[in-house]
Amino acid sequence: MRQDMKERYPATDYSDQIARAAAVITDSSFTCNTRFIIDSYIANKANVYAMDYALCGDYNASTHASDLLPLFAHAKTDYYPLVKCVNSATGFIGTIEAKAFALIVQDITAPGMQQYFTDHAIWGDPNHNGGMSTWQLASNENSFSNKAMGTCVGNLMKVEMSFRNNEGPDIETPSKKCDFWSKLAKEIADISGHDVRGRARWCF
């Protein structure tokens, strides 16, 4: 398994060991788990809706969990302190633009996200009451395919300044990458599932 991981994540592909470790942790513990869930639901004929929260994707300023504020925001919530914090860390927009951006999030993004998620919770369909864009069903068939990546999940809802359906692929969870971790997880489960009394147990 260690050799397989070394070959899948060769040191020559990364600037240092920190970047290499980050890639392994991201793929094994975060992004591919999303792909496994989506594939499982689709295989069981369930409707799946996938979202790409990239409010400031061009500036790499969509911080971890920043989507929770518009999702649970109250009408009187002031989004500016968070935008100001992100802006101070990234410098992606100026102070005046940050204030305008905060208002857009507060007046457009938050109500939009809340409508989609509430409709899905109540009706099982985020488009039940209509939205700024039709949120299409996620697909893992022929949405994107090439030799290096395999297939990717398509039909993601793209959250930018507002909402739009983006039929582009989720390139963070290609089958070539996630199939590797699925195979490894099965091997670990098979090993840990054996009765190993009297011998040293595997620890991970």
Protein backbone atom coordinates (compact mmCIF):
# COMPACT_ATOMS: atom_id res chain seq x y z
CA MET A 1 0.00 0.00 0.00
CA ARG A 2 2.80 2.38 0.83
CA GLN A 3 4.45 1.63 -2.48
CA ASP A 4 1.18 2.22 -4.31
CA MET A 5 0.84 5.60 -2.60
CA LYS A 6 4.42 6.53 -3.48
CA GLU A 7 3.73 5.75 -7.11
CA ARG A 8 0.38 7.58 -7.12
CA TYR A 9 1.90 10.66 -5.45
CA PRO A 10 5.55 10.76 -6.59
CA ALA A 11 7.75 13.29 -4.79
CA THR A 12 8.80 14.75 -8.15
CA ASP A 13 5.26 16.05 -8.72
CA TYR A 14 5.32 18.36 -5.69
CA SER A 15 7.35 21.33 -4.53
CA ASP A 16 7.94 19.84 -1.08
CA GLN A 17 6.66 17.19 1.32
CA ILE A 18 4.07 19.57 2.78
CA ALA A 19 2.42 19.95 -0.62
CA ARG A 20 2.65 16.22 -1.17
CA ALA A 21 1.05 15.43 2.18
CA ALA A 22 -1.67 18.01 1.52
CA ALA A 23 -2.57 16.27 -1.75
CA VAL A 24 -2.78 12.87 -0.04
CA ILE A 25 -4.91 14.17 2.84
CA THR A 26 -7.21 16.15 0.53
CA ASP A 27 -7.87 13.22 -1.79
CA SER A 28 -8.14 10.51 0.87
CA SER A 29 -10.16 12.37 3.49
CA PHE A 30 -12.15 15.11 1.77
CA THR A 31 -12.75 15.33 -1.97
CA CYS A 32 -13.01 11.66 -2.94
CA ASN A 33 -15.42 10.96 -0.10
CA THR A 34 -17.80 13.34 -1.85
CA ARG A 35 -17.42 11.35 -5.07
CA PHE A 36 -18.10 8.07 -3.24
CA ILE A 37 -21.34 9.44 -1.78
CA ILE A 38 -22.51 10.81 -5.14
CA ASP A 39 -21.70 7.57 -6.97
CA SER A 40 -23.50 5.53 -4.30
CA TYR A 41 -26.70 7.57 -4.53
CA ILE A 42 -26.68 7.57 -8.33
CA ALA A 43 -26.12 3.80 -8.36
CA ASN A 44 -29.25 3.47 -6.19
CA LYS A 45 -31.30 5.62 -8.60
CA ALA A 46 -31.52 8.55 -6.20
CA ASN A 47 -31.52 12.17 -7.33
CA VAL A 48 -28.26 13.92 -6.54
CA TYR A 49 -27.57 17.65 -6.71
CA ALA A 50 -23.94 18.76 -6.55
CA MET A 51 -22.68 22.29 -5.83
CA ASP A 52 -19.40 24.06 -6.43
CA TYR A 53 -19.16 26.87 -3.90
CA ALA A 54 -16.67 29.15 -5.60
CA LEU A 55 -17.96 32.56 -4.67
CA CYS A 56 -14.55 34.08 -5.37
CA GLY A 57 -13.02 31.13 -7.14
CA ASP A 58 -10.93 33.26 -9.46
CA TYR A 59 -9.23 34.76 -6.41
CA ASN A 60 -9.04 31.59 -4.31
CA ALA A 61 -10.96 33.42 -1.61
CA SER A 62 -13.78 30.98 -0.82
CA THR A 63 -12.50 30.02 2.59
CA HIS A 64 -13.30 26.77 4.36
CA ALA A 65 -16.88 26.83 5.75
CA SER A 66 -17.55 30.32 4.38
CA ASP A 67 -20.60 28.83 2.63
CA LEU A 68 -22.23 28.25 6.03
CA LEU A 69 -22.82 31.93 6.69
CA PRO A 70 -25.09 32.60 3.68
CA LEU A 71 -26.77 29.22 4.19
CA PHE A 72 -27.78 30.05 7.76
CA ALA A 73 -27.77 33.85 7.54
CA HIS A 74 -30.55 35.96 8.98
CA ALA A 75 -31.84 38.90 6.96
CA LYS A 76 -30.07 41.26 9.36
CA THR A 77 -26.76 39.38 9.24
CA ASP A 78 -23.83 41.59 8.33
CA TYR A 79 -21.59 39.64 5.97
CA TYR A 80 -18.97 42.37 5.74
CA PRO A 81 -16.79 41.33 8.74
CA LEU A 82 -16.09 37.95 7.10
CA VAL A 83 -15.45 39.49 3.68
CA LYS A 84 -13.16 42.05 5.32
CA CYS A 85 -11.26 39.25 7.05
CA VAL A 86 -10.85 37.25 3.84
CA ASN A 87 -9.85 40.39 1.96
CA SER A 88 -7.18 41.24 4.55
CA ALA A 89 -5.72 37.75 4.16
CA THR A 90 -5.88 37.57 0.37
CA GLY A 91 -6.17 41.16 -0.84
CA PHE A 92 -8.48 39.90 -3.59
CA ILE A 93 -10.56 43.10 -3.74
CA GLY A 94 -10.37 46.62 -2.37
CA THR A 95 -12.26 47.93 0.66
CA ILE A 96 -15.03 49.61 -1.35
CA GLU A 97 -15.51 46.51 -3.51
CA ALA A 98 -15.56 44.33 -0.37
CA LYS A 99 -18.50 46.28 1.02
CA ALA A 100 -20.40 45.92 -2.27
CA PHE A 101 -19.54 42.24 -2.40
CA ALA A 102 -20.84 41.75 1.13
CA LEU A 103 -24.18 43.27 0.14
CA ILE A 104 -24.45 40.97 -2.89
CA VAL A 105 -23.84 37.94 -0.70
CA GLN A 106 -26.35 39.18 1.85
CA ASP A 107 -29.08 40.14 -0.65
CA ILE A 108 -28.60 37.53 -3.41
CA THR A 109 -26.41 34.60 -2.39
CA ALA A 110 -27.89 33.96 1.05
CA PRO A 111 -31.58 34.00 0.01
CA GLY A 112 -30.77 31.92 -3.07
CA MET A 113 -28.90 29.22 -1.17
CA GLN A 114 -31.53 29.09 1.55
CA GLN A 115 -34.33 28.64 -0.99
CA TYR A 116 -32.55 25.80 -2.79
CA PHE A 117 -31.67 23.96 0.41
CA THR A 118 -35.07 24.51 2.06
CA ASP A 119 -36.92 23.29 -1.03
CA HIS A 120 -34.71 20.23 -1.16
CA ALA A 121 -35.28 19.49 2.52
CA ILE A 122 -39.06 19.81 2.19
CA TRP A 123 -39.78 18.53 -1.31
CA GLY A 124 -36.64 16.61 -2.27
CA ASP A 125 -36.24 19.04 -5.16
CA PRO A 126 -34.24 22.28 -4.86
CA ASN A 127 -36.09 23.66 -7.89
CA HIS A 128 -39.57 23.23 -6.41
CA ASN A 129 -40.26 26.96 -6.12
CA GLY A 130 -38.02 28.01 -8.98
CA GLY A 131 -34.63 29.57 -8.57
CA MET A 132 -32.15 31.83 -10.26
CA SER A 133 -31.01 28.82 -12.29
CA THR A 134 -32.28 25.25 -12.63
CA TRP A 135 -30.18 22.97 -10.48
CA GLN A 136 -29.70 19.92 -12.68
CA LEU A 137 -29.15 16.37 -11.50
CA ALA A 138 -25.51 15.43 -11.05
CA SER A 139 -24.21 12.91 -13.52
CA ASN A 140 -21.20 10.61 -13.47
CA GLU A 141 -21.65 9.31 -17.02
CA ASN A 142 -19.77 10.84 -19.94
CA SER A 143 -19.80 14.29 -18.34
CA PHE A 144 -16.07 14.47 -18.81
CA SER A 145 -13.54 11.88 -19.78
CA ASN A 146 -9.92 11.68 -20.78
CA LYS A 147 -7.13 9.16 -20.35
CA ALA A 148 -5.45 10.98 -17.48
CA MET A 149 -8.53 11.73 -15.38
CA GLY A 150 -11.19 9.21 -16.34
CA THR A 151 -14.74 10.43 -15.70
CA CYS A 152 -15.84 13.31 -13.49
CA VAL A 153 -19.14 14.31 -11.91
CA GLY A 154 -20.93 16.87 -14.06
CA ASN A 155 -23.87 19.30 -13.84
CA LEU A 156 -22.63 21.17 -10.78
CA MET A 157 -24.42 24.26 -9.58
CA LYS A 158 -21.83 27.03 -9.64
CA VAL A 159 -22.19 29.56 -6.83
CA GLU A 160 -20.44 32.73 -7.85
CA MET A 161 -21.82 36.22 -7.35
CA SER A 162 -25.24 34.67 -7.95
CA PHE A 163 -26.13 31.18 -9.20
CA ARG A 164 -25.81 29.43 -12.52
CA ASN A 165 -25.83 25.88 -13.67
CA ASN A 166 -22.41 24.92 -14.89
CA GLU A 167 -22.27 21.71 -16.86
CA GLY A 168 -18.52 21.54 -16.46
CA PRO A 169 -16.95 18.71 -14.48
CA ASP A 170 -15.82 18.49 -10.89
CA ILE A 171 -12.13 18.09 -11.63
CA GLU A 172 -11.34 17.59 -7.94
CA THR A 173 -12.86 14.10 -7.94
CA PRO A 174 -11.91 12.33 -11.20
CA SER A 175 -12.44 8.57 -11.26
CA LYS A 176 -8.75 7.84 -11.84
CA LYS A 177 -7.89 9.54 -8.54
CA CYS A 178 -10.85 8.35 -6.49
CA ASP A 179 -10.78 4.77 -7.78
CA PHE A 180 -7.29 4.52 -6.30
CA TRP A 181 -8.55 5.45 -2.83
CA SER A 182 -11.61 3.22 -3.15
CA LYS A 183 -9.36 0.25 -3.93
CA LEU A 184 -7.03 1.10 -1.04
CA ALA A 185 -9.94 1.43 1.40
CA LYS A 186 -11.22 -1.99 0.38
CA GLU A 187 -7.79 -3.52 0.93
CA ILE A 188 -7.57 -1.96 4.40
CA ALA A 189 -11.09 -3.13 5.26
CA ASP A 190 -10.26 -6.66 4.11
CA ILE A 191 -7.14 -6.74 6.28
CA SER A 192 -8.75 -5.25 9.39
CA GLY A 193 -11.73 -7.57 9.01
CA HIS A 194 -9.67 -10.73 9.54
CA ASP A 195 -9.31 -12.37 12.93
CA VAL A 196 -5.73 -11.59 13.86
CA ARG A 197 -5.67 -12.79 17.46
CA GLY A 198 -2.23 -13.89 18.50
CA ARG A 199 -0.63 -11.59 15.96
CA ALA A 200 0.12 -7.88 15.87
CA ARG A 201 -2.92 -5.93 14.75
CA TRP A 202 -2.81 -3.42 11.93
CA CYS A 203 -3.06 0.16 13.09
CA PHE A 204 -3.85 3.16 10.86
